[in-house]
Amino acid sequence: FTYGGSVGFNQPCLVDDMALITEDPSFLLKDRKEVEVPQEFIKRVTLFSFNAFAGLQVPLDLKSVYVIPSLSGCVTGDLHSDYSLISAGPLVRCDFGIPLKYGNMLFFGAGYKYGFPIKDADEMAADNYKNVTPYGQSHTVFLSIGYMY
């Protein structure tokens, strides 16, 4: 059994709808997926991100290194004053553990997470911003480093 958490940052793109509609009211009548949004109305924001996960792992001892594949369920929150997202989904990862002195271990790993939004991404945006990247169904590939003492 394994469990844990992580913190980090994400950077989605948001459209400033109020400025866009003020500039060109015809955008109200167009489908967002078919419209080329001018760059000056796109804002990239930095979101504080946290993950909490729990699942199963199978440690394999290969003498000089441990290979540890795992499958977990994960809840993710990405928070900012203009935009937030809460999602849940599967997390698959594989860690490589290098034994050190005194029973300590250094870990390197990689993984993949898919998040199903708990609330719609556009609902979580501030009133004048809408999501422009397909952030509501987030695919995340990550690298990790850890230390066990």
C-alpha atoms as a PDB file:
ATOM      1  CA  PHE A   1       0.000   0.000   0.000  1.00  0.00           C
ATOM      2  CA  THR A   2       1.268   3.497  -0.774  1.00  0.00           C
ATOM      3  CA  TYR A   3       0.023   7.008  -0.082  1.00  0.00           C
ATOM      4  CA  GLY A   4       1.422  10.489  -0.308  1.00  0.00           C
ATOM      5  CA  GLY A   5       1.107  13.987  -1.617  1.00  0.00           C
ATOM      6  CA  SER A   6       2.885  16.557  -3.712  1.00  0.00           C
ATOM      7  CA  VAL A   7       2.806  20.266  -4.425  1.00  0.00           C
ATOM      8  CA  GLY A   8       3.751  22.166  -7.564  1.00  0.00           C
ATOM      9  CA  PHE A   9       2.658  24.686 -10.173  1.00  0.00           C
ATOM     10  CA  ASN A  10       0.603  24.609 -13.408  1.00  0.00           C
ATOM     11  CA  GLN A  11       0.177  27.312 -16.061  1.00  0.00           C
ATOM     12  CA  PRO A  12      -3.076  27.175 -18.084  1.00  0.00           C
ATOM     13  CA  CYS A  13      -4.200  29.887 -20.519  1.00  0.00           C
ATOM     14  CA  LEU A  14      -7.374  31.848 -19.777  1.00  0.00           C
ATOM     15  CA  VAL A  15      -9.393  34.136 -22.040  1.00  0.00           C
ATOM     16  CA  ASP A  16     -10.438  37.525 -20.632  1.00  0.00           C
ATOM     17  CA  ASP A  17     -14.033  37.328 -21.906  1.00  0.00           C
ATOM     18  CA  MET A  18     -15.053  40.793 -20.706  1.00  0.00           C
ATOM     19  CA  ALA A  19     -12.263  42.538 -22.634  1.00  0.00           C
ATOM     20  CA  LEU A  20     -12.863  40.341 -25.688  1.00  0.00           C
ATOM     21  CA  ILE A  21     -16.614  41.030 -25.807  1.00  0.00           C
ATOM     22  CA  THR A  22     -16.059  44.753 -25.215  1.00  0.00           C
ATOM     23  CA  GLU A  23     -13.696  44.814 -28.200  1.00  0.00           C
ATOM     24  CA  ASP A  24     -15.874  42.637 -30.471  1.00  0.00           C
ATOM     25  CA  PRO A  25     -19.450  41.818 -29.282  1.00  0.00           C
ATOM     26  CA  SER A  26     -19.861  39.265 -32.104  1.00  0.00           C
ATOM     27  CA  PHE A  27     -17.764  36.807 -30.053  1.00  0.00           C
ATOM     28  CA  LEU A  28     -20.892  36.175 -27.946  1.00  0.00           C
ATOM     29  CA  LEU A  29     -22.508  34.463 -30.932  1.00  0.00           C
ATOM     30  CA  LYS A  30     -19.550  32.253 -31.861  1.00  0.00           C
ATOM     31  CA  ASP A  31     -18.591  28.796 -30.641  1.00  0.00           C
ATOM     32  CA  ARG A  32     -15.450  29.093 -28.506  1.00  0.00           C
ATOM     33  CA  LYS A  33     -13.876  25.967 -30.009  1.00  0.00           C
ATOM     34  CA  GLU A  34     -14.117  27.373 -33.541  1.00  0.00           C
ATOM     35  CA  VAL A  35     -12.878  30.926 -32.840  1.00  0.00           C
ATOM     36  CA  GLU A  36      -9.282  32.101 -33.086  1.00  0.00           C
ATOM     37  CA  VAL A  37      -8.843  34.255 -29.967  1.00  0.00           C
ATOM     38  CA  PRO A  38      -6.404  37.160 -30.435  1.00  0.00           C
ATOM     39  CA  GLN A  39      -3.292  36.758 -28.278  1.00  0.00           C
ATOM     40  CA  GLU A  40      -3.838  40.024 -26.362  1.00  0.00           C
ATOM     41  CA  PHE A  41      -6.956  38.507 -24.739  1.00  0.00           C
ATOM     42  CA  ILE A  42      -5.185  35.363 -23.542  1.00  0.00           C
ATOM     43  CA  LYS A  43      -3.704  35.400 -20.065  1.00  0.00           C
ATOM     44  CA  ARG A  44      -1.410  32.693 -18.699  1.00  0.00           C
ATOM     45  CA  VAL A  45      -1.831  32.221 -14.951  1.00  0.00           C
ATOM     46  CA  THR A  46       0.282  30.277 -12.498  1.00  0.00           C
ATOM     47  CA  LEU A  47      -1.758  27.925 -10.325  1.00  0.00           C
ATOM     48  CA  PHE A  48      -0.631  26.403  -7.047  1.00  0.00           C
ATOM     49  CA  SER A  49      -1.214  22.664  -7.416  1.00  0.00           C
ATOM     50  CA  PHE A  50      -1.544  19.898  -4.824  1.00  0.00           C
ATOM     51  CA  ASN A  51      -2.070  16.158  -5.213  1.00  0.00           C
ATOM     52  CA  ALA A  52      -3.078  13.523  -2.675  1.00  0.00           C
ATOM     53  CA  PHE A  53      -2.933   9.855  -3.661  1.00  0.00           C
ATOM     54  CA  ALA A  54      -3.386   6.357  -2.247  1.00  0.00           C
ATOM     55  CA  GLY A  55      -3.035   2.994  -3.951  1.00  0.00           C
ATOM     56  CA  LEU A  56      -1.072  -0.208  -4.422  1.00  0.00           C
ATOM     57  CA  GLN A  57       2.584  -0.724  -5.259  1.00  0.00           C
ATOM     58  CA  VAL A  58       4.724  -3.785  -6.006  1.00  0.00           C
ATOM     59  CA  PRO A  59       8.376  -3.281  -4.990  1.00  0.00           C
ATOM     60  CA  LEU A  60      10.818  -5.446  -6.971  1.00  0.00           C
ATOM     61  CA  ASP A  61      14.313  -5.943  -5.509  1.00  0.00           C
ATOM     62  CA  LEU A  62      16.886  -6.123  -8.323  1.00  0.00           C
ATOM     63  CA  LYS A  63      19.915  -6.199  -5.941  1.00  0.00           C
ATOM     64  CA  SER A  64      21.420  -2.751  -6.660  1.00  0.00           C
ATOM     65  CA  VAL A  65      18.129  -0.970  -7.377  1.00  0.00           C
ATOM     66  CA  TYR A  66      14.456  -1.292  -6.464  1.00  0.00           C
ATOM     67  CA  VAL A  67      11.826  -0.950  -9.192  1.00  0.00           C
ATOM     68  CA  ILE A  68       8.487   0.115  -7.717  1.00  0.00           C
ATOM     69  CA  PRO A  69       5.472   0.330 -10.073  1.00  0.00           C
ATOM     70  CA  SER A  70       2.242   1.618  -8.526  1.00  0.00           C
ATOM     71  CA  LEU A  71      -1.385   2.386  -9.357  1.00  0.00           C
ATOM     72  CA  SER A  72      -3.263   4.929  -7.248  1.00  0.00           C
ATOM     73  CA  GLY A  73      -6.329   7.086  -7.088  1.00  0.00           C
ATOM     74  CA  CYS A  74      -5.496  10.790  -6.999  1.00  0.00           C
ATOM     75  CA  VAL A  75      -7.288  14.021  -6.056  1.00  0.00           C
ATOM     76  CA  THR A  76      -5.798  17.237  -7.470  1.00  0.00           C
ATOM     77  CA  GLY A  77      -6.500  20.864  -6.674  1.00  0.00           C
ATOM     78  CA  ASP A  78      -5.175  23.745  -8.772  1.00  0.00           C
ATOM     79  CA  LEU A  79      -5.797  27.100  -7.095  1.00  0.00           C
ATOM     80  CA  HIS A  80      -5.610  30.758  -8.183  1.00  0.00           C
ATOM     81  CA  SER A  81      -7.754  33.847  -7.565  1.00  0.00           C
ATOM     82  CA  ASP A  82      -8.935  33.906 -11.226  1.00  0.00           C
ATOM     83  CA  TYR A  83      -9.206  30.179 -11.856  1.00  0.00           C
ATOM     84  CA  SER A  84      -9.277  26.946  -9.869  1.00  0.00           C
ATOM     85  CA  LEU A  85      -9.884  23.299 -10.678  1.00  0.00           C
ATOM     86  CA  ILE A  86     -10.517  20.237  -8.538  1.00  0.00           C
ATOM     87  CA  SER A  87     -10.220  16.851 -10.256  1.00  0.00           C
ATOM     88  CA  ALA A  88      -9.889  13.160  -9.426  1.00  0.00           C
ATOM     89  CA  GLY A  89      -8.569  10.220 -11.406  1.00  0.00           C
ATOM     90  CA  PRO A  90      -5.994   7.450 -11.782  1.00  0.00           C
ATOM     91  CA  LEU A  91      -2.273   7.928 -11.182  1.00  0.00           C
ATOM     92  CA  VAL A  92       0.269   5.454 -12.596  1.00  0.00           C
ATOM     93  CA  ARG A  93       3.925   5.763 -11.645  1.00  0.00           C
ATOM     94  CA  CYS A  94       7.182   3.856 -11.564  1.00  0.00           C
ATOM     95  CA  ASP A  95       9.945   4.706  -9.099  1.00  0.00           C
ATOM     96  CA  PHE A  96      13.521   3.505  -9.032  1.00  0.00           C
ATOM     97  CA  GLY A  97      15.071   3.297  -5.573  1.00  0.00           C
ATOM     98  CA  ILE A  98      18.826   3.362  -5.011  1.00  0.00           C
ATOM     99  CA  PRO A  99      19.857   2.006  -1.587  1.00  0.00           C
ATOM    100  CA  LEU A 100      22.211   4.256   0.390  1.00  0.00           C
ATOM    101  CA  LYS A 101      24.056   3.766   3.678  1.00  0.00           C
ATOM    102  CA  TYR A 102      22.181   3.068   6.912  1.00  0.00           C
ATOM    103  CA  GLY A 103      19.009   1.881   5.143  1.00  0.00           C
ATOM    104  CA  ASN A 104      18.295   5.225   3.453  1.00  0.00           C
ATOM    105  CA  MET A 105      17.104   5.277  -0.155  1.00  0.00           C
ATOM    106  CA  LEU A 106      17.106   7.812  -2.996  1.00  0.00           C
ATOM    107  CA  PHE A 107      14.153   7.623  -5.408  1.00  0.00           C
ATOM    108  CA  PHE A 108      13.752   8.759  -9.006  1.00  0.00           C
ATOM    109  CA  GLY A 109      10.463   8.235 -10.769  1.00  0.00           C
ATOM    110  CA  ALA A 110       8.041   9.145 -13.502  1.00  0.00           C
ATOM    111  CA  GLY A 111       4.297   8.907 -13.827  1.00  0.00           C
ATOM    112  CA  TYR A 112       1.073   9.822 -15.564  1.00  0.00           C
ATOM    113  CA  LYS A 113      -2.137  11.236 -14.102  1.00  0.00           C
ATOM    114  CA  TYR A 114      -5.520  11.803 -15.746  1.00  0.00           C
ATOM    115  CA  GLY A 115      -7.947  14.101 -13.942  1.00  0.00           C
ATOM    116  CA  PHE A 116     -11.731  14.073 -14.354  1.00  0.00           C
ATOM    117  CA  PRO A 117     -13.059  17.467 -13.192  1.00  0.00           C
ATOM    118  CA  ILE A 118     -15.220  17.377 -10.080  1.00  0.00           C
ATOM    119  CA  LYS A 119     -16.617  20.773 -11.136  1.00  0.00           C
ATOM    120  CA  ASP A 120     -16.700  22.097 -14.710  1.00  0.00           C
ATOM    121  CA  ALA A 121     -13.551  24.078 -15.522  1.00  0.00           C
ATOM    122  CA  ASP A 122     -15.485  27.144 -16.697  1.00  0.00           C
ATOM    123  CA  GLU A 123     -17.564  27.140 -13.480  1.00  0.00           C
ATOM    124  CA  MET A 124     -14.357  27.375 -11.467  1.00  0.00           C
ATOM    125  CA  ALA A 125     -13.079  30.443 -13.377  1.00  0.00           C
ATOM    126  CA  ALA A 126     -13.635  33.998 -12.147  1.00  0.00           C
ATOM    127  CA  ASP A 127     -16.592  35.769 -13.787  1.00  0.00           C
ATOM    128  CA  ASN A 128     -14.692  37.446 -16.605  1.00  0.00           C
ATOM    129  CA  TYR A 129     -12.331  34.560 -17.452  1.00  0.00           C
ATOM    130  CA  LYS A 130     -12.990  31.371 -19.355  1.00  0.00           C
ATOM    131  CA  ASN A 131     -10.791  28.371 -19.921  1.00  0.00           C
ATOM    132  CA  VAL A 132      -8.963  28.313 -23.262  1.00  0.00           C
ATOM    133  CA  THR A 133      -6.739  25.259 -22.876  1.00  0.00           C
ATOM    134  CA  PRO A 134      -8.457  21.851 -22.463  1.00  0.00           C
ATOM    135  CA  TYR A 135      -7.612  22.019 -18.776  1.00  0.00           C
ATOM    136  CA  GLY A 136     -10.801  20.425 -17.481  1.00  0.00           C
ATOM    137  CA  GLN A 137      -9.538  16.965 -18.445  1.00  0.00           C
ATOM    138  CA  SER A 138      -5.930  17.242 -17.473  1.00  0.00           C
ATOM    139  CA  HIS A 139      -3.307  14.838 -18.683  1.00  0.00           C
ATOM    140  CA  THR A 140      -0.199  15.206 -16.548  1.00  0.00           C
ATOM    141  CA  VAL A 141       3.170  13.559 -17.072  1.00  0.00           C
ATOM    142  CA  PHE A 142       5.621  14.157 -14.252  1.00  0.00           C
ATOM    143  CA  LEU A 143       9.067  13.342 -12.883  1.00  0.00           C
ATOM    144  CA  SER A 144       9.768  12.918  -9.189  1.00  0.00           C
ATOM    145  CA  ILE A 145      12.696  12.744  -6.794  1.00  0.00           C
ATOM    146  CA  GLY A 146      12.391  11.463  -3.245  1.00  0.00           C
ATOM    147  CA  TYR A 147      14.401  10.399  -0.237  1.00  0.00           C
ATOM    148  CA  MET A 148      13.532   7.799   2.395  1.00  0.00           C
ATOM    149  CA  TYR A 149      15.354   7.741   5.712  1.00  0.00           C
END
